[in-house]
Amino acid sequence: MSDDDDENSAPPLPPMLAEDSEATLYKYRDFAAIPEDSDNDPVQPQSNRSLESSIRVQKFPVKLYAILGQKEFSDIITWMPHGRSWKVLKPNLFESLVMPLFFEYSNYHSFNRLVNAWSFRRISSGPDR
């Protein structure tokens, strides 16, 4: 048996992978229509004292996920209905109420710079806006 036989016996690649061998397939599930279940909430509510002591030392994505998981902030910053992005609804309240709990600074423009530094991108057009 030759090396050519081994290569030919492999199943063919899907059409989109045949052209680009470094492509990655992702399976996306839209959670917009799934009702919230408080028992399965991955971010459990914490007291303000334990929240301040533990979350302030975490990296930005963990902080952002914790902020988005807090129901009391849902009128200030929230997931978009499709679940693929988030939006700050009230920047002034976000700066004065939310940021002091999670960050060492309370400047909304610094938050925006941090968002950009972590390669989050603004959605300015399309159905996800």
N, C-alpha and C. Protein backbone atom coordinates (compact mmCIF):
# COMPACT_ATOMS: atom_id res chain seq x y z
N MET A 1 0.85 -1.18 0.00
CA MET A 1 0.00 0.00 0.00
C MET A 1 0.89 1.24 0.00
N SER A 2 0.65 2.19 -0.88
CA SER A 2 1.51 3.37 -1.01
C SER A 2 0.90 4.55 -0.26
N ASP A 3 1.69 5.61 -0.17
CA ASP A 3 1.20 6.84 0.47
C ASP A 3 0.05 7.45 -0.31
N ASP A 4 0.06 7.27 -1.63
CA ASP A 4 -1.02 7.81 -2.46
C ASP A 4 -2.36 7.17 -2.11
N ASP A 5 -2.36 5.87 -1.76
CA ASP A 5 -3.59 5.19 -1.40
C ASP A 5 -4.17 5.75 -0.11
N ASP A 6 -3.30 6.08 0.86
CA ASP A 6 -3.78 6.65 2.14
C ASP A 6 -4.44 8.00 1.91
N GLU A 7 -3.86 8.83 1.06
CA GLU A 7 -4.42 10.16 0.81
C GLU A 7 -5.74 10.05 0.07
N ASN A 8 -5.86 9.10 -0.84
CA ASN A 8 -7.08 8.95 -1.62
C ASN A 8 -8.20 8.29 -0.84
N SER A 9 -7.86 7.56 0.23
CA SER A 9 -8.89 6.86 0.98
C SER A 9 -9.59 7.76 2.00
N ALA A 10 -9.04 8.92 2.28
CA ALA A 10 -9.66 9.85 3.23
C ALA A 10 -10.95 10.40 2.63
N PRO A 11 -11.97 10.63 3.46
CA PRO A 11 -13.21 11.19 2.93
C PRO A 11 -12.96 12.59 2.38
N PRO A 12 -13.72 12.98 1.36
CA PRO A 12 -13.50 14.31 0.78
C PRO A 12 -13.89 15.40 1.77
N LEU A 13 -13.20 16.53 1.65
CA LEU A 13 -13.50 17.68 2.51
C LEU A 13 -14.80 18.34 2.07
N PRO A 14 -15.54 18.95 3.01
CA PRO A 14 -16.71 19.74 2.61
C PRO A 14 -16.26 20.83 1.65
N PRO A 15 -17.14 21.28 0.76
CA PRO A 15 -16.76 22.26 -0.27
C PRO A 15 -16.08 23.50 0.30
N MET A 16 -16.56 24.05 1.43
CA MET A 16 -15.95 25.27 1.93
C MET A 16 -14.56 25.02 2.52
N LEU A 17 -14.25 23.79 2.95
CA LEU A 17 -12.93 23.48 3.48
C LEU A 17 -11.96 23.07 2.39
N ALA A 18 -12.46 22.61 1.29
CA ALA A 18 -11.59 22.17 0.21
C ALA A 18 -10.77 23.34 -0.33
N GLU A 19 -11.35 24.53 -0.36
CA GLU A 19 -10.65 25.71 -0.86
C GLU A 19 -9.71 26.29 0.17
N ASP A 20 -10.10 26.29 1.44
CA ASP A 20 -9.31 26.91 2.50
C ASP A 20 -9.13 25.90 3.62
N SER A 21 -7.94 25.32 3.69
CA SER A 21 -7.72 24.25 4.67
C SER A 21 -7.64 24.78 6.10
N GLU A 22 -7.52 26.09 6.29
CA GLU A 22 -7.43 26.64 7.64
C GLU A 22 -8.78 27.17 8.15
N ALA A 23 -9.83 27.00 7.39
CA ALA A 23 -11.16 27.48 7.80
C ALA A 23 -11.66 26.66 8.98
N THR A 24 -12.46 27.28 9.82
CA THR A 24 -13.03 26.63 10.98
C THR A 24 -14.55 26.66 10.88
N LEU A 25 -15.16 25.53 11.15
CA LEU A 25 -16.62 25.47 11.14
C LEU A 25 -17.14 25.81 12.52
N TYR A 26 -18.14 26.67 12.60
CA TYR A 26 -18.76 27.03 13.85
C TYR A 26 -20.23 26.67 13.79
N LYS A 27 -20.74 26.18 14.88
CA LYS A 27 -22.17 25.91 14.96
C LYS A 27 -22.76 26.97 15.89
N TYR A 28 -23.66 27.79 15.37
CA TYR A 28 -24.25 28.87 16.14
C TYR A 28 -25.67 28.51 16.52
N ARG A 29 -26.02 28.79 17.75
CA ARG A 29 -27.39 28.60 18.22
C ARG A 29 -27.93 29.95 18.66
N ASP A 30 -29.04 30.36 18.10
CA ASP A 30 -29.65 31.63 18.43
C ASP A 30 -30.49 31.47 19.69
N PHE A 31 -30.12 32.17 20.74
CA PHE A 31 -30.78 32.05 22.03
C PHE A 31 -31.86 33.12 22.23
N ALA A 32 -32.16 33.89 21.21
CA ALA A 32 -33.12 34.99 21.36
C ALA A 32 -34.51 34.50 21.73
N ALA A 33 -34.92 33.33 21.23
CA ALA A 33 -36.29 32.85 21.46
C ALA A 33 -36.40 31.93 22.67
N ILE A 34 -35.30 31.66 23.35
CA ILE A 34 -35.32 30.76 24.50
C ILE A 34 -35.60 31.58 25.76
N PRO A 35 -36.63 31.21 26.54
CA PRO A 35 -36.94 31.98 27.75
C PRO A 35 -35.82 31.85 28.79
N GLU A 36 -35.64 32.91 29.55
CA GLU A 36 -34.62 32.90 30.60
C GLU A 36 -35.05 31.97 31.71
N ASP A 37 -34.09 31.19 32.20
CA ASP A 37 -34.33 30.27 33.31
C ASP A 37 -33.33 30.62 34.40
N SER A 38 -33.81 31.16 35.50
CA SER A 38 -32.91 31.62 36.55
C SER A 38 -32.13 30.48 37.19
N ASP A 39 -32.64 29.23 37.12
CA ASP A 39 -31.93 28.10 37.70
C ASP A 39 -30.68 27.74 36.91
N ASN A 40 -30.65 28.03 35.62
CA ASN A 40 -29.52 27.69 34.77
C ASN A 40 -28.64 28.89 34.46
N ASP A 41 -28.76 29.97 35.21
CA ASP A 41 -28.01 31.18 34.98
C ASP A 41 -26.55 30.95 35.36
N PRO A 42 -25.60 31.07 34.39
CA PRO A 42 -24.20 30.81 34.71
C PRO A 42 -23.58 31.87 35.61
N VAL A 43 -24.13 33.09 35.62
CA VAL A 43 -23.60 34.13 36.48
C VAL A 43 -24.56 34.29 37.65
N GLN A 44 -24.18 33.75 38.78
CA GLN A 44 -25.03 33.83 39.95
C GLN A 44 -24.90 35.21 40.59
N PRO A 45 -26.00 35.79 41.08
CA PRO A 45 -25.91 37.09 41.74
C PRO A 45 -25.05 36.98 43.00
N GLN A 46 -24.27 38.02 43.22
CA GLN A 46 -23.39 38.06 44.38
C GLN A 46 -23.69 39.32 45.18
N SER A 47 -23.24 39.32 46.42
CA SER A 47 -23.37 40.54 47.19
C SER A 47 -22.40 41.57 46.63
N ASN A 48 -22.67 42.84 46.84
CA ASN A 48 -21.80 43.88 46.31
C ASN A 48 -20.38 43.76 46.85
N ARG A 49 -20.23 43.37 48.10
CA ARG A 49 -18.90 43.27 48.70
C ARG A 49 -18.07 42.17 48.04
N SER A 50 -18.66 40.98 47.88
CA SER A 50 -17.91 39.89 47.25
C SER A 50 -17.71 40.16 45.76
N LEU A 51 -18.67 40.85 45.13
CA LEU A 51 -18.54 41.20 43.73
C LEU A 51 -17.36 42.13 43.52
N GLU A 52 -17.25 43.15 44.35
CA GLU A 52 -16.16 44.10 44.22
C GLU A 52 -14.81 43.46 44.45
N SER A 53 -14.72 42.55 45.39
CA SER A 53 -13.42 41.96 45.71
C SER A 53 -12.98 40.93 44.68
N SER A 54 -13.91 40.23 44.04
CA SER A 54 -13.51 39.18 43.11
C SER A 54 -13.48 39.61 41.65
N ILE A 55 -14.43 40.40 41.23
CA ILE A 55 -14.56 40.70 39.81
C ILE A 55 -13.57 41.76 39.36
N ARG A 56 -13.15 42.63 40.22
CA ARG A 56 -12.25 43.71 39.83
C ARG A 56 -10.89 43.21 39.39
N VAL A 57 -10.51 41.99 39.78
CA VAL A 57 -9.21 41.45 39.40
C VAL A 57 -9.28 40.58 38.15
N GLN A 58 -10.47 40.37 37.62
CA GLN A 58 -10.65 39.51 36.45
C GLN A 58 -10.30 40.26 35.16
N LYS A 59 -10.07 39.51 34.10
CA LYS A 59 -9.81 40.09 32.79
C LYS A 59 -11.11 40.66 32.22
N PHE A 60 -10.97 41.56 31.23
CA PHE A 60 -12.11 42.30 30.71
C PHE A 60 -13.28 41.42 30.24
N PRO A 61 -13.06 40.36 29.46
CA PRO A 61 -14.22 39.57 29.01
C PRO A 61 -15.03 38.97 30.16
N VAL A 62 -14.35 38.59 31.24
CA VAL A 62 -15.05 38.03 32.40
C VAL A 62 -15.87 39.12 33.08
N LYS A 63 -15.30 40.30 33.20
CA LYS A 63 -16.03 41.43 33.79
C LYS A 63 -17.27 41.77 32.96
N LEU A 64 -17.07 41.85 31.64
CA LEU A 64 -18.18 42.20 30.75
C LEU A 64 -19.30 41.16 30.84
N TYR A 65 -18.93 39.89 30.86
CA TYR A 65 -19.93 38.82 30.96
C TYR A 65 -20.68 38.91 32.30
N ALA A 66 -19.97 39.23 33.36
CA ALA A 66 -20.60 39.38 34.68
C ALA A 66 -21.55 40.57 34.69
N ILE A 67 -21.14 41.68 34.09
CA ILE A 67 -22.01 42.86 34.01
C ILE A 67 -23.28 42.52 33.25
N LEU A 68 -23.13 41.87 32.10
CA LEU A 68 -24.28 41.53 31.27
C LEU A 68 -25.20 40.51 31.95
N GLY A 69 -24.67 39.76 32.89
CA GLY A 69 -25.46 38.77 33.60
C GLY A 69 -26.24 39.32 34.79
N GLN A 70 -25.95 40.55 35.17
CA GLN A 70 -26.64 41.19 36.30
C GLN A 70 -27.96 41.79 35.83
N LYS A 71 -29.07 41.26 36.31
CA LYS A 71 -30.38 41.75 35.87
C LYS A 71 -30.62 43.20 36.26
N GLU A 72 -30.03 43.66 37.34
CA GLU A 72 -30.27 45.05 37.76
C GLU A 72 -29.61 46.06 36.81
N PHE A 73 -28.70 45.61 35.94
CA PHE A 73 -28.08 46.50 34.98
C PHE A 73 -28.68 46.36 33.58
N SER A 74 -29.71 45.55 33.42
CA SER A 74 -30.24 45.25 32.09
C SER A 74 -30.87 46.46 31.40
N ASP A 75 -31.24 47.49 32.14
CA ASP A 75 -31.75 48.69 31.48
C ASP A 75 -30.62 49.66 31.12
N ILE A 76 -29.40 49.34 31.56
CA ILE A 76 -28.23 50.18 31.28
C ILE A 76 -27.35 49.55 30.19
N ILE A 77 -27.07 48.26 30.32
CA ILE A 77 -26.28 47.51 29.34
C ILE A 77 -26.94 46.14 29.20
N THR A 78 -27.11 45.69 27.98
CA THR A 78 -27.87 44.46 27.78
C THR A 78 -27.40 43.71 26.54
N TRP A 79 -27.71 42.42 26.51
CA TRP A 79 -27.51 41.62 25.31
C TRP A 79 -28.54 42.07 24.28
N MET A 80 -28.18 42.04 23.02
CA MET A 80 -29.14 42.28 21.95
C MET A 80 -30.04 41.05 21.85
N PRO A 81 -31.24 41.17 21.30
CA PRO A 81 -32.19 40.06 21.29
C PRO A 81 -31.66 38.78 20.63
N HIS A 82 -30.81 38.91 19.62
CA HIS A 82 -30.29 37.73 18.93
C HIS A 82 -29.19 37.04 19.73
N GLY A 83 -28.63 37.69 20.76
CA GLY A 83 -27.64 37.08 21.63
C GLY A 83 -26.22 37.08 21.10
N ARG A 84 -25.97 37.75 19.98
CA ARG A 84 -24.63 37.75 19.40
C ARG A 84 -23.84 39.00 19.73
N SER A 85 -24.49 39.99 20.33
CA SER A 85 -23.80 41.23 20.67
C SER A 85 -24.50 41.88 21.86
N TRP A 86 -23.90 42.93 22.36
CA TRP A 86 -24.45 43.65 23.50
C TRP A 86 -24.42 45.14 23.20
N LYS A 87 -25.14 45.90 24.02
CA LYS A 87 -25.24 47.34 23.77
C LYS A 87 -25.34 48.09 25.09
N VAL A 88 -24.61 49.19 25.20
CA VAL A 88 -24.76 50.09 26.34
C VAL A 88 -25.90 51.03 25.99
N LEU A 89 -27.00 50.92 26.71
CA LEU A 89 -28.19 51.72 26.43
C LEU A 89 -28.11 53.12 27.03
N LYS A 90 -27.51 53.21 28.21
CA LYS A 90 -27.43 54.49 28.92
C LYS A 90 -25.98 54.72 29.38
N PRO A 91 -25.15 55.31 28.49
CA PRO A 91 -23.73 55.49 28.82
C PRO A 91 -23.47 56.27 30.10
N ASN A 92 -24.28 57.29 30.39
CA ASN A 92 -24.05 58.09 31.59
C ASN A 92 -24.27 57.27 32.86
N LEU A 93 -25.35 56.48 32.88
CA LEU A 93 -25.59 55.63 34.05
C LEU A 93 -24.55 54.50 34.13
N PHE A 94 -24.14 53.99 32.99
CA PHE A 94 -23.11 52.95 32.96
C PHE A 94 -21.83 53.48 33.61
N GLU A 95 -21.49 54.71 33.26
CA GLU A 95 -20.27 55.33 33.78
C GLU A 95 -20.36 55.59 35.29
N SER A 96 -21.52 56.02 35.76
CA SER A 96 -21.63 56.41 37.17
C SER A 96 -22.02 55.26 38.10
N LEU A 97 -22.79 54.27 37.62
CA LEU A 97 -23.26 53.20 38.49
C LEU A 97 -22.53 51.87 38.32
N VAL A 98 -22.27 51.49 37.09
CA VAL A 98 -21.72 50.15 36.81
C VAL A 98 -20.20 50.13 36.86
N MET A 99 -19.58 51.07 36.19
CA MET A 99 -18.13 51.05 36.08
C MET A 99 -17.40 51.09 37.42
N PRO A 100 -17.83 51.87 38.42
CA PRO A 100 -17.11 51.86 39.69
C PRO A 100 -17.11 50.49 40.39
N LEU A 101 -18.09 49.65 40.11
CA LEU A 101 -18.15 48.33 40.73
C LEU A 101 -17.19 47.33 40.08
N PHE A 102 -16.88 47.53 38.80
CA PHE A 102 -16.13 46.54 38.06
C PHE A 102 -14.74 46.99 37.61
N PHE A 103 -14.53 48.29 37.54
CA PHE A 103 -13.28 48.81 37.00
C PHE A 103 -12.64 49.79 37.96
N GLU A 104 -11.35 50.02 37.77
CA GLU A 104 -10.61 50.96 38.62
C GLU A 104 -10.84 52.40 38.19
N TYR A 105 -11.48 52.57 37.07
CA TYR A 105 -11.74 53.91 36.53
C TYR A 105 -13.23 54.03 36.20
N SER A 106 -13.69 55.25 36.04
CA SER A 106 -15.11 55.47 35.72
C SER A 106 -15.24 56.42 34.54
N ASN A 107 -14.48 56.15 33.51
CA ASN A 107 -14.52 56.99 32.31
C ASN A 107 -15.03 56.12 31.16
N TYR A 108 -16.16 56.51 30.58
CA TYR A 108 -16.78 55.72 29.51
C TYR A 108 -15.87 55.61 28.29
N HIS A 109 -15.12 56.66 27.99
CA HIS A 109 -14.22 56.61 26.83
C HIS A 109 -13.09 55.61 27.07
N SER A 110 -12.64 55.47 28.31
CA SER A 110 -11.64 54.45 28.62
C SER A 110 -12.22 53.06 28.44
N PHE A 111 -13.49 52.89 28.80
CA PHE A 111 -14.17 51.61 28.58
C PHE A 111 -14.22 51.30 27.08
N ASN A 112 -14.57 52.29 26.27
CA ASN A 112 -14.60 52.09 24.82
C ASN A 112 -13.23 51.71 24.27
N ARG A 113 -12.18 52.34 24.76
CA ARG A 113 -10.83 51.98 24.31
C ARG A 113 -10.51 50.53 24.70
N LEU A 114 -10.91 50.13 25.89
CA LEU A 114 -10.68 48.75 26.32
C LEU A 114 -11.46 47.76 25.47
N VAL A 115 -12.69 48.10 25.14
CA VAL A 115 -13.51 47.27 24.25
C VAL A 115 -12.80 47.08 22.92
N ASN A 116 -12.28 48.16 22.36
CA ASN A 116 -11.57 48.09 21.08
C ASN A 116 -10.27 47.32 21.21
N ALA A 117 -9.57 47.47 22.32
CA ALA A 117 -8.31 46.76 22.52
C ALA A 117 -8.52 45.25 22.59
N TRP A 118 -9.68 44.81 23.05
CA TRP A 118 -10.00 43.38 23.10
C TRP A 118 -10.62 42.90 21.79
N SER A 119 -10.56 43.70 20.75
CA SER A 119 -11.00 43.36 19.39
C SER A 119 -12.51 43.18 19.25
N PHE A 120 -13.28 43.78 20.14
CA PHE A 120 -14.72 43.85 19.91
C PHE A 120 -14.92 44.89 18.82
N ARG A 121 -15.90 44.70 17.98
CA ARG A 121 -16.14 45.62 16.89
C ARG A 121 -17.57 46.13 16.91
N ARG A 122 -17.71 47.41 16.58
CA ARG A 122 -19.04 48.05 16.53
C ARG A 122 -19.80 47.53 15.32
N ILE A 123 -21.06 47.20 15.52
CA ILE A 123 -21.93 46.80 14.42
C ILE A 123 -22.71 48.05 14.02
N SER A 124 -22.39 48.59 12.86
CA SER A 124 -23.02 49.84 12.46
C SER A 124 -24.09 49.66 11.39
N SER A 125 -24.19 48.46 10.83
CA SER A 125 -25.23 48.22 9.81
C SER A 125 -25.61 46.75 9.83
N GLY A 126 -26.70 46.46 9.14
CA GLY A 126 -27.14 45.07 9.03
C GLY A 126 -28.20 44.71 10.06
N PRO A 127 -28.66 43.48 10.01
CA PRO A 127 -29.77 43.06 10.88
C PRO A 127 -29.38 42.95 12.36
N ASP A 128 -28.09 42.81 12.66
CA ASP A 128 -27.66 42.67 14.06
C ASP A 128 -27.50 43.99 14.77
N ARG A 129 -27.67 45.11 14.08
CA ARG A 129 -27.46 46.42 14.70
C ARG A 129 -28.46 46.70 15.74
